Amino acid sequence: DAAFDLAADADPQVRAAAINALGQSRQDALGDHALVWALSDQDVFASTAAARALVARGARGLDAVKSRLSARWLSSEAIVRAGLAFGEQAANELIAEALRSDDIRQQLAAMQLALALPKFDQPLPYSKLLSPSIDSTWYATIAVIRKHVRGPAAAAASAALASRLRMDFEWWAARAL
């Protein structure tokens, strides 16, 4: 398929056009995989074209993204772009799936996607997210807590942060409280 070759072209406009063509012509698992791969394109137009093509596939497109969350080549930006393109319900599904993992990259992508949503009220696995060895996930988790966590969930967040007061991130925990 010529579209596969052109999806790796040096020109981002050619890549975006090829990704659009793949989205329309390849309605199989190989096409799904190529579109998920294209989500990580450095060009915003090409990666957005991939997100739109996956959204057009509906549940199958979302399942294709979920099945590749652990792929090292899938960037957190790609996961956020896909989640936002699919909408709030699908974004929450991607967040839940990513938070089940022990992979730091997936957890960071989940927190970044939660930050991009106007509303987020899922319970967070604080023991994973507030691990002392993971700076970027820690900071993103604090930002999610500040933006979204209210009511009874705030008490759980406060308890999780308070338990970190005598650890490496004591300053951040105290600041977040």
Protein backbone atom coordinates (compact mmCIF):
# COMPACT_ATOMS: atom_id res chain seq x y z
CA ASP A 1 0.00 0.00 0.00
CA ALA A 2 1.50 3.34 -1.06
CA ALA A 3 -0.15 5.09 1.89
CA PHE A 4 2.05 3.11 4.31
CA ASP A 5 5.20 4.33 2.56
CA LEU A 6 3.96 7.92 2.44
CA ALA A 7 3.02 7.86 6.14
CA ALA A 8 6.78 7.93 6.82
CA ASP A 9 7.57 10.70 4.30
CA ALA A 10 9.75 13.61 5.40
CA ASP A 11 7.03 16.15 4.51
CA PRO A 12 4.41 16.41 7.30
CA GLN A 13 1.68 17.39 4.82
CA VAL A 14 2.34 14.22 2.84
CA ARG A 15 2.26 12.18 6.08
CA ALA A 16 -1.04 13.76 7.13
CA ALA A 17 -2.59 13.03 3.72
CA ALA A 18 -1.29 9.45 3.82
CA ILE A 19 -2.68 8.96 7.32
CA ASN A 20 -6.07 10.22 6.15
CA ALA A 21 -5.92 7.78 3.25
CA LEU A 22 -4.98 4.91 5.59
CA GLY A 23 -7.90 5.81 7.82
CA GLN A 24 -10.29 5.48 4.89
CA SER A 25 -8.76 2.55 3.05
CA ARG A 26 -7.34 0.13 5.63
CA GLN A 27 -10.20 -1.01 7.86
CA ASP A 28 -8.22 -3.91 9.30
CA ALA A 29 -5.88 -4.57 12.24
CA LEU A 30 -2.85 -3.44 10.24
CA GLY A 31 -4.60 -0.14 9.50
CA ASP A 32 -5.50 0.24 13.18
CA HIS A 33 -1.90 -0.37 14.21
CA ALA A 34 -0.58 2.12 11.63
CA LEU A 35 -2.98 4.80 12.87
CA VAL A 36 -1.99 4.26 16.51
CA TRP A 37 1.65 4.47 15.46
CA ALA A 38 0.89 7.71 13.59
CA LEU A 39 -0.53 9.24 16.79
CA SER A 40 3.10 9.75 17.89
CA ASP A 41 4.02 11.71 14.76
CA GLN A 42 5.96 14.84 15.70
CA ASP A 43 3.75 16.95 13.44
CA VAL A 44 0.49 18.00 15.08
CA PHE A 45 -1.49 17.81 11.82
CA ALA A 46 -0.33 14.27 11.08
CA SER A 47 -0.97 13.03 14.61
CA THR A 48 -4.35 14.78 14.70
CA ALA A 49 -5.26 13.10 11.41
CA ALA A 50 -4.46 9.76 13.03
CA ALA A 51 -6.60 10.59 16.06
CA ARG A 52 -9.54 11.57 13.85
CA ALA A 53 -9.23 8.41 11.78
CA LEU A 54 -9.22 6.29 14.94
CA VAL A 55 -12.27 8.14 16.29
CA ALA A 56 -14.06 7.44 12.99
CA ARG A 57 -13.53 3.72 13.68
CA GLY A 58 -15.43 4.03 16.96
CA ALA A 59 -14.96 1.36 19.61
CA ARG A 60 -12.50 -0.54 17.42
CA GLY A 61 -10.28 2.55 17.20
CA LEU A 62 -10.41 3.06 20.96
CA ASP A 63 -9.58 -0.61 21.54
CA ALA A 64 -6.61 -0.24 19.17
CA VAL A 65 -5.26 2.61 21.30
CA LYS A 66 -5.89 0.73 24.56
CA SER A 67 -4.12 -2.36 23.26
CA ARG A 68 -0.98 -0.34 22.49
CA LEU A 69 -0.76 1.73 25.69
CA SER A 70 2.28 -0.26 26.78
CA ALA A 71 4.15 0.30 23.50
CA ARG A 72 7.37 2.24 24.15
CA TRP A 73 6.92 4.23 20.94
CA LEU A 74 3.49 5.56 21.96
CA SER A 75 4.12 8.94 23.57
CA SER A 76 2.10 10.43 26.40
CA GLU A 77 1.21 13.29 24.03
CA ALA A 78 -0.27 10.74 21.63
CA ILE A 79 -2.37 9.20 24.41
CA VAL A 80 -3.63 12.64 25.44
CA ARG A 81 -4.42 13.57 21.84
CA ALA A 82 -6.34 10.33 21.32
CA GLY A 83 -8.22 10.66 24.59
CA LEU A 84 -9.32 14.20 23.82
CA ALA A 85 -10.33 13.27 20.27
CA PHE A 86 -12.47 10.37 21.46
CA GLY A 87 -14.26 12.47 24.08
CA GLU A 88 -14.66 12.49 27.84
CA GLN A 89 -16.04 8.98 28.33
CA ALA A 90 -13.35 7.33 26.22
CA ALA A 91 -10.69 9.54 27.82
CA ASN A 92 -11.77 8.26 31.22
CA GLU A 93 -11.53 4.69 29.92
CA LEU A 94 -7.98 5.35 28.69
CA ILE A 95 -7.07 6.90 32.05
CA ALA A 96 -8.46 3.90 33.94
CA GLU A 97 -6.59 1.48 31.67
CA ALA A 98 -3.32 3.39 32.00
CA LEU A 99 -3.62 3.64 35.79
CA ARG A 100 -3.99 -0.15 36.09
CA SER A 101 -0.46 -0.43 34.74
CA ASP A 102 2.75 -0.19 36.73
CA ASP A 103 4.37 1.58 33.77
CA ILE A 104 5.43 5.10 34.75
CA ARG A 105 4.89 6.42 31.22
CA GLN A 106 1.29 5.23 31.17
CA GLN A 107 0.63 6.72 34.60
CA LEU A 108 2.08 10.06 33.52
CA ALA A 109 -0.03 10.01 30.34
CA ALA A 110 -3.12 9.26 32.45
CA MET A 111 -2.44 12.25 34.69
CA GLN A 112 -1.75 14.52 31.72
CA LEU A 113 -5.01 13.42 30.11
CA ALA A 114 -6.89 13.99 33.39
CA LEU A 115 -5.46 17.50 33.52
CA ALA A 116 -6.72 18.19 30.01
CA LEU A 117 -10.28 17.16 30.87
CA PRO A 118 -12.75 19.71 32.20
CA LYS A 119 -14.05 17.19 34.75
CA PHE A 120 -12.34 14.17 36.26
CA ASP A 121 -13.59 12.24 39.27
CA GLN A 122 -12.07 8.78 39.15
CA PRO A 123 -10.37 7.46 42.27
CA LEU A 124 -6.60 7.64 41.98
CA PRO A 125 -4.12 4.93 43.02
CA TYR A 126 -2.06 7.26 45.22
CA SER A 127 0.37 4.54 46.30
CA LYS A 128 1.46 4.19 42.65
CA LEU A 129 1.27 7.81 41.62
CA LEU A 130 3.00 9.29 44.65
CA SER A 131 5.97 6.95 44.55
CA PRO A 132 9.08 8.84 45.68
CA SER A 133 11.13 7.89 42.64
CA ILE A 134 8.93 9.33 39.91
CA ASP A 135 9.23 13.13 39.67
CA SER A 136 7.08 13.95 36.65
CA THR A 137 4.23 11.66 37.66
CA TRP A 138 4.32 13.15 41.15
CA TYR A 139 4.00 16.70 39.84
CA ALA A 140 1.22 15.78 37.42
CA THR A 141 -0.66 13.95 40.18
CA ILE A 142 -0.45 17.01 42.45
CA ALA A 143 -1.80 19.14 39.59
CA VAL A 144 -4.71 16.71 39.07
CA ILE A 145 -5.49 16.76 42.79
CA ARG A 146 -5.50 20.56 42.81
CA LYS A 147 -7.68 20.83 39.71
CA HIS A 148 -10.17 18.00 40.18
CA VAL A 149 -10.24 16.45 43.64
CA ARG A 150 -13.07 17.75 45.85
CA GLY A 151 -15.26 16.51 48.69
CA PRO A 152 -14.63 13.09 50.26
CA ALA A 153 -11.97 12.29 47.67
CA ALA A 154 -9.97 15.27 48.93
CA ALA A 155 -9.65 13.60 52.35
CA ALA A 156 -8.10 10.52 50.74
CA ALA A 157 -5.73 12.72 48.74
CA SER A 158 -4.74 14.64 51.86
CA ALA A 159 -4.07 11.41 53.75
CA ALA A 160 -1.93 10.10 50.90
CA LEU A 161 0.03 13.34 50.75
CA ALA A 162 0.42 13.52 54.53
CA SER A 163 1.94 10.03 54.52
CA ARG A 164 4.67 11.39 52.21
CA LEU A 165 5.69 14.23 54.55
CA ARG A 166 8.81 12.48 55.80
CA MET A 167 9.94 11.30 52.37
CA ASP A 168 11.91 12.68 49.43
CA PHE A 169 9.02 14.80 48.21
CA GLU A 170 8.19 16.30 51.59
CA TRP A 171 8.25 19.86 50.26
CA TRP A 172 5.85 19.02 47.42
CA ALA A 173 3.54 17.14 49.73
CA ALA A 174 3.43 20.02 52.20
CA ARG A 175 2.88 22.52 49.39
CA ALA A 176 0.07 20.44 47.91
CA LEU A 177 -1.66 20.12 51.29
